[in-house]
Amino acid sequence: MIIRHLKNDVYFFGGKNMAKAFAKPFYNSKKWKQCRTRYIQLMPKHKRGLCEKCYAKGEHVLGEELHHKIQLTPKNINDASITLNHDNLILLCYECHKREHGMRNDRGYQYDSDGNIIIKKQG
């Protein structure tokens, strides 16, 4: 992960790249980079740069991924009301971001869309 300090206590985060091929040009665009910077700048100073889900639980975990609540698709990738709308964004740590996408964590657990561990039936 790459973290670099910017003016006004703003951080850029470079976590693991989860972007699908159709979205990579968007994530490399100047508009997205400006949106990401502005989103973090507008966060209240006491929680700026922290995972918003962890912070809500009283934990202070560094945010690494700016997540779109409405998932980006080939149909909506050019819709700025989805891609660049701050109401559709949330700063997450790596583990919370993986939970949002139902991916496995480093221990091999998988999560549902509510963040609950998925227990696979034996047999």
Protein backbone atom coordinates (compact mmCIF):
# COMPACT_ATOMS: atom_id res chain seq x y z
CA MET A 1 0.00 0.00 0.00
CA ILE A 2 1.25 3.48 -0.83
CA ILE A 3 0.37 6.35 1.48
CA ARG A 4 1.58 9.85 0.80
CA HIS A 5 0.83 12.98 2.75
CA LEU A 6 -0.69 15.89 0.87
CA LYS A 7 -1.61 19.45 1.84
CA ASN A 8 -4.29 19.94 4.50
CA ASP A 9 -3.80 16.49 6.07
CA VAL A 10 -5.19 14.71 3.03
CA TYR A 11 -3.96 11.26 2.13
CA PHE A 12 -4.00 9.27 -1.08
CA PHE A 13 -4.31 5.55 -0.65
CA GLY A 14 -3.07 2.97 -3.08
CA GLY A 15 -4.35 -0.39 -1.98
CA LYS A 16 -4.79 -3.52 -4.00
CA ASN A 17 -6.32 -2.72 -7.41
CA MET A 18 -9.78 -4.29 -7.58
CA ALA A 19 -10.97 -2.38 -10.67
CA LYS A 20 -12.45 -4.30 -13.55
CA ALA A 21 -11.04 -3.64 -17.02
CA PHE A 22 -13.96 -1.40 -18.12
CA ALA A 23 -13.43 0.84 -15.05
CA LYS A 24 -9.64 1.25 -15.18
CA PRO A 25 -9.72 4.32 -17.49
CA PHE A 26 -12.18 5.96 -15.08
CA TYR A 27 -10.02 5.24 -12.02
CA ASN A 28 -6.99 6.68 -13.84
CA SER A 29 -8.89 9.83 -14.87
CA LYS A 30 -8.20 13.31 -13.54
CA LYS A 31 -11.87 13.71 -12.59
CA TRP A 32 -11.80 10.63 -10.33
CA LYS A 33 -8.52 11.62 -8.71
CA GLN A 34 -9.92 15.11 -8.01
CA CYS A 35 -13.16 13.63 -6.63
CA ARG A 36 -11.24 11.23 -4.39
CA THR A 37 -9.02 14.02 -3.05
CA ARG A 38 -12.00 16.31 -2.43
CA TYR A 39 -14.00 13.56 -0.68
CA ILE A 40 -11.17 13.00 1.78
CA GLN A 41 -10.59 16.74 2.25
CA LEU A 42 -14.26 17.19 3.19
CA MET A 43 -14.21 14.45 5.83
CA PRO A 44 -14.34 15.85 9.39
CA LYS A 45 -10.75 16.35 10.54
CA HIS A 46 -11.07 14.00 13.55
CA LYS A 47 -11.83 11.04 11.27
CA ARG A 48 -10.16 12.11 8.03
CA GLY A 49 -8.43 9.16 6.39
CA LEU A 50 -10.05 6.55 8.63
CA CYS A 51 -12.29 3.69 7.54
CA GLU A 52 -15.83 4.97 7.98
CA LYS A 53 -17.31 1.58 8.94
CA CYS A 54 -14.62 0.86 11.53
CA TYR A 55 -14.88 4.41 12.91
CA ALA A 56 -18.64 3.94 13.40
CA LYS A 57 -17.76 0.93 15.64
CA GLY A 58 -15.25 2.99 17.65
CA GLU A 59 -12.18 1.60 15.87
CA HIS A 60 -9.47 3.73 14.25
CA VAL A 61 -8.36 1.88 11.12
CA LEU A 62 -6.69 3.54 8.16
CA GLY A 63 -8.99 3.82 5.13
CA GLU A 64 -7.42 2.44 1.95
CA GLU A 65 -10.22 2.18 -0.61
CA LEU A 66 -12.80 4.75 -1.67
CA HIS A 67 -15.76 2.47 -2.37
CA HIS A 68 -18.78 3.14 -4.59
CA LYS A 69 -21.96 2.14 -2.73
CA ILE A 70 -23.74 1.63 -6.06
CA GLN A 71 -21.40 -0.73 -7.87
CA LEU A 72 -19.91 0.57 -11.11
CA THR A 73 -20.97 -1.28 -14.25
CA PRO A 74 -20.36 -0.81 -17.97
CA LYS A 75 -23.82 0.81 -18.13
CA ASN A 76 -23.22 3.44 -15.41
CA ILE A 77 -19.45 4.08 -15.69
CA ASN A 78 -20.07 7.35 -17.58
CA ASP A 79 -22.81 8.57 -15.22
CA ALA A 80 -21.21 11.22 -12.98
CA SER A 81 -24.20 11.11 -10.62
CA ILE A 82 -22.98 7.62 -9.69
CA THR A 83 -19.22 7.68 -10.31
CA LEU A 84 -18.40 11.12 -8.86
CA ASN A 85 -21.22 11.64 -6.36
CA HIS A 86 -19.89 11.92 -2.79
CA ASP A 87 -23.17 10.43 -1.49
CA ASN A 88 -22.26 7.24 -3.35
CA LEU A 89 -18.79 6.98 -1.78
CA ILE A 90 -17.43 5.63 1.48
CA LEU A 91 -13.80 5.33 2.63
CA LEU A 92 -13.06 1.78 3.78
CA CYS A 93 -10.12 -0.22 5.08
CA TYR A 94 -8.97 -3.17 3.01
CA GLU A 95 -10.91 -5.74 5.09
CA CYS A 96 -14.20 -3.77 5.03
CA HIS A 97 -13.82 -3.23 1.28
CA LYS A 98 -13.39 -6.96 0.72
CA ARG A 99 -16.51 -7.60 2.84
CA GLU A 100 -18.47 -5.15 0.66
CA HIS A 101 -17.52 -7.21 -2.38
CA GLY A 102 -18.10 -10.58 -0.68
CA MET A 103 -14.44 -11.49 -1.07
CA ARG A 104 -12.37 -13.72 1.17
CA ASN A 105 -10.23 -12.13 3.84
CA ASP A 106 -6.65 -13.15 4.60
CA ARG A 107 -7.89 -15.92 6.91
CA GLY A 108 -10.01 -17.50 4.19
CA TYR A 109 -13.40 -16.30 5.47
CA GLN A 110 -15.98 -15.01 3.04
CA TYR A 111 -18.66 -12.43 3.88
CA ASP A 112 -22.19 -11.72 2.71
CA SER A 113 -23.39 -8.22 1.75
CA ASP A 114 -24.13 -7.40 5.42
CA GLY A 115 -20.61 -8.31 6.53
CA ASN A 116 -21.58 -11.61 8.16
CA ILE A 117 -19.27 -14.60 7.80
CA ILE A 118 -20.59 -17.14 5.29
CA ILE A 119 -20.50 -20.62 6.76
CA LYS A 120 -20.35 -23.31 4.10
CA LYS A 121 -22.22 -26.51 4.89
CA GLN A 122 -20.05 -29.60 5.17
CA GLY A 123 -20.98 -32.54 3.08
